[in-house]
Amino acid sequence: MIDQQQTRRTALTWLGAGAAASFLTACGSPAQAKGFKINYSDAEWRKRLTKAQYYILREEGTEQPFSSSLLNEHRKGTFLCAGCDNELFSSATKFESGTGWPSFWQPLPGAVGTTTDFKLGYPRTEVHCADCGGHLGHVFKDGPKPTGLRYCMDGDGMKFRPT
């Protein structure tokens, strides 16, 4: 015999999970440049960026791991936002994380901002360009010294300028 109270509890759990998933999905929205130093309309961003850059920077997408040409970029230089040329990371802070995305232990001063992202159902720290608001990736607390941070960036959201 099925316990009606257990069945009701299970149904309410599934209903609550569905409502939470809908709410969390609705919380994420494509990167908007409102309040940032550099502002373009959506149409202008589409003209300025490649399809891959637009997907990462404006729609908060993620490229496939190990697909970025910047993953194996080891020259001295600076990594820039592909949307606005803001200087983001020095090559001196890049390290091999083994994750498949370019990783850094520290951004340049004032180069990035962060927000909390719940798109996967749990909190993550999203990283965006401080000048245009473009989505760059996420930062995690499993990086090397001296910061212990891993800025896991989408290479399609950046460019590299050698020195």
Protein backbone atom coordinates (compact mmCIF):
# COMPACT_ATOMS: atom_id res chain seq x y z
CA MET A 1 0.00 0.00 0.00
CA ILE A 2 1.34 3.47 -0.97
CA ASP A 3 1.63 5.93 1.88
CA GLN A 4 -0.47 8.95 0.81
CA GLN A 5 1.53 11.34 2.98
CA GLN A 6 4.79 10.20 1.33
CA THR A 7 3.21 10.57 -2.13
CA ARG A 8 1.99 14.08 -1.29
CA ARG A 9 5.44 15.03 0.07
CA THR A 10 7.12 13.76 -3.10
CA ALA A 11 4.68 15.69 -5.30
CA LEU A 12 5.24 18.90 -3.33
CA THR A 13 9.01 18.43 -3.54
CA TRP A 14 8.86 18.10 -7.34
CA LEU A 15 6.53 21.08 -7.60
CA GLY A 16 8.87 23.21 -5.48
CA ALA A 17 11.91 22.11 -7.49
CA GLY A 18 10.14 23.06 -10.72
CA ALA A 19 9.21 26.49 -9.38
CA ALA A 20 12.78 27.08 -8.14
CA ALA A 21 14.23 26.05 -11.50
CA SER A 22 11.90 28.45 -13.31
CA PHE A 23 12.88 31.29 -10.97
CA LEU A 24 16.60 30.62 -11.27
CA THR A 25 16.41 30.43 -15.05
CA ALA A 26 14.55 33.73 -15.14
CA CYS A 27 17.23 35.39 -12.96
CA GLY A 28 19.86 35.13 -15.69
CA SER A 29 19.67 37.62 -18.50
CA PRO A 30 22.09 38.51 -21.27
CA ALA A 31 24.79 40.99 -20.32
CA GLN A 32 23.50 44.53 -20.55
CA ALA A 33 25.81 47.53 -20.83
CA LYS A 34 23.56 49.83 -18.79
CA GLY A 35 25.62 51.69 -16.23
CA PHE A 36 28.92 50.82 -17.91
CA LYS A 37 31.38 53.25 -19.50
CA ILE A 38 30.85 51.68 -22.94
CA ASN A 39 27.25 51.31 -24.13
CA TYR A 40 26.00 50.04 -27.49
CA SER A 41 22.61 48.90 -28.68
CA ASP A 42 22.12 45.19 -29.24
CA ALA A 43 22.20 45.80 -33.00
CA GLU A 44 25.53 47.62 -32.71
CA TRP A 45 27.03 44.83 -30.56
CA ARG A 46 25.97 42.33 -33.24
CA LYS A 47 27.77 44.39 -35.90
CA ARG A 48 30.94 44.82 -33.84
CA LEU A 49 31.36 41.25 -32.59
CA THR A 50 31.75 37.88 -34.25
CA LYS A 51 28.98 35.37 -33.60
CA ALA A 52 31.16 33.56 -31.01
CA GLN A 53 32.11 36.83 -29.27
CA TYR A 54 28.48 37.95 -29.15
CA TYR A 55 27.43 34.59 -27.69
CA ILE A 56 30.01 34.83 -24.89
CA LEU A 57 30.01 38.54 -24.12
CA ARG A 58 26.35 39.51 -24.62
CA GLU A 59 24.44 36.23 -24.13
CA GLU A 60 26.64 34.92 -21.29
CA GLY A 61 27.47 31.78 -23.21
CA THR A 62 30.32 29.35 -22.65
CA GLU A 63 32.65 28.05 -25.34
CA GLN A 64 33.54 24.37 -25.56
CA PRO A 65 36.52 23.44 -23.36
CA PHE A 66 39.90 23.23 -25.15
CA SER A 67 38.52 25.16 -28.15
CA SER A 68 40.05 28.60 -27.53
CA SER A 69 43.21 29.67 -29.35
CA LEU A 70 44.06 31.68 -26.21
CA LEU A 71 44.27 28.52 -24.12
CA ASN A 72 47.78 27.88 -25.45
CA GLU A 73 48.84 31.53 -25.65
CA HIS A 74 52.11 31.72 -23.70
CA ARG A 75 53.73 34.90 -24.97
CA LYS A 76 54.21 37.96 -22.76
CA GLY A 77 51.42 40.45 -23.18
CA THR A 78 47.94 41.50 -22.16
CA PHE A 79 44.55 39.85 -22.57
CA LEU A 80 41.86 42.35 -23.60
CA CYS A 81 38.07 42.34 -23.73
CA ALA A 82 37.04 41.43 -27.28
CA GLY A 83 34.11 43.82 -26.98
CA CYS A 84 35.84 47.04 -25.96
CA ASP A 85 39.64 46.44 -25.75
CA ASN A 86 39.68 46.95 -21.96
CA GLU A 87 42.91 45.46 -20.56
CA LEU A 88 41.84 42.51 -18.38
CA PHE A 89 44.74 40.21 -17.47
CA SER A 90 48.52 40.22 -17.66
CA SER A 91 50.10 37.11 -19.15
CA ALA A 92 52.18 36.96 -15.94
CA THR A 93 49.05 35.80 -14.07
CA LYS A 94 48.01 33.11 -16.58
CA PHE A 95 48.41 29.48 -15.51
CA GLU A 96 47.54 26.00 -16.77
CA SER A 97 44.46 24.92 -14.83
CA GLY A 98 43.73 21.80 -16.89
CA THR A 99 40.08 22.88 -17.22
CA GLY A 100 40.16 23.69 -20.94
CA TRP A 101 39.69 27.46 -20.55
CA PRO A 102 42.30 30.22 -20.20
CA SER A 103 42.84 30.71 -16.47
CA PHE A 104 44.38 33.53 -14.47
CA TRP A 105 45.00 34.03 -10.76
CA GLN A 106 44.38 37.78 -10.80
CA PRO A 107 42.89 40.46 -13.09
CA LEU A 108 44.46 43.85 -13.69
CA PRO A 109 43.31 46.50 -11.17
CA GLY A 110 39.78 47.74 -11.90
CA ALA A 111 39.50 45.60 -15.06
CA VAL A 112 36.62 43.32 -14.08
CA GLY A 113 33.52 43.25 -11.95
CA THR A 114 31.63 40.31 -10.49
CA THR A 115 28.03 39.30 -9.86
CA THR A 116 26.41 36.20 -8.41
CA ASP A 117 25.01 33.81 -11.00
CA PHE A 118 22.47 31.05 -10.15
CA LYS A 119 22.04 29.63 -13.69
CA LEU A 120 23.15 26.13 -12.67
CA GLY A 121 20.98 26.18 -9.53
CA TYR A 122 23.78 27.11 -7.14
CA PRO A 123 25.72 30.34 -6.67
CA ARG A 124 28.78 31.04 -8.83
CA THR A 125 30.74 34.26 -9.17
CA GLU A 126 30.39 35.58 -12.71
CA VAL A 127 33.12 37.85 -14.08
CA HIS A 128 32.34 40.69 -16.48
CA CYS A 129 34.32 43.47 -18.15
CA ALA A 130 34.28 46.58 -15.97
CA ASP A 131 34.04 48.86 -19.03
CA CYS A 132 31.32 47.25 -21.20
CA GLY A 133 29.71 44.65 -18.92
CA GLY A 134 30.54 41.77 -21.27
CA HIS A 135 30.45 38.29 -19.70
CA LEU A 136 33.94 36.79 -19.50
CA GLY A 137 33.55 33.66 -17.37
CA HIS A 138 33.60 32.78 -13.67
CA VAL A 139 36.01 32.93 -10.75
CA PHE A 140 36.55 30.01 -8.36
CA LYS A 141 38.46 29.61 -5.10
CA ASP A 142 40.66 26.73 -6.28
CA GLY A 143 43.51 28.61 -7.94
CA PRO A 144 47.22 28.88 -7.18
CA LYS A 145 49.01 31.18 -4.76
CA PRO A 146 49.24 34.04 -4.15
CA THR A 147 45.47 34.67 -4.51
CA GLY A 148 44.05 31.14 -4.45
CA LEU A 149 41.66 32.23 -7.22
CA ARG A 150 41.04 30.79 -10.68
CA TYR A 151 39.57 33.26 -13.15
CA CYS A 152 38.24 30.75 -15.68
CA MET A 153 37.66 32.86 -18.81
CA ASP A 154 36.09 32.18 -22.18
CA GLY A 155 38.80 32.82 -24.75
CA ASP A 156 36.25 33.96 -27.35
CA GLY A 157 35.44 36.89 -25.06
CA MET A 158 39.05 38.11 -25.15
CA LYS A 159 41.86 39.15 -27.49
CA PHE A 160 45.60 39.01 -26.89
CA ARG A 161 48.09 41.84 -27.41
CA PRO A 162 51.74 40.70 -27.22
CA THR A 163 54.37 43.03 -25.76
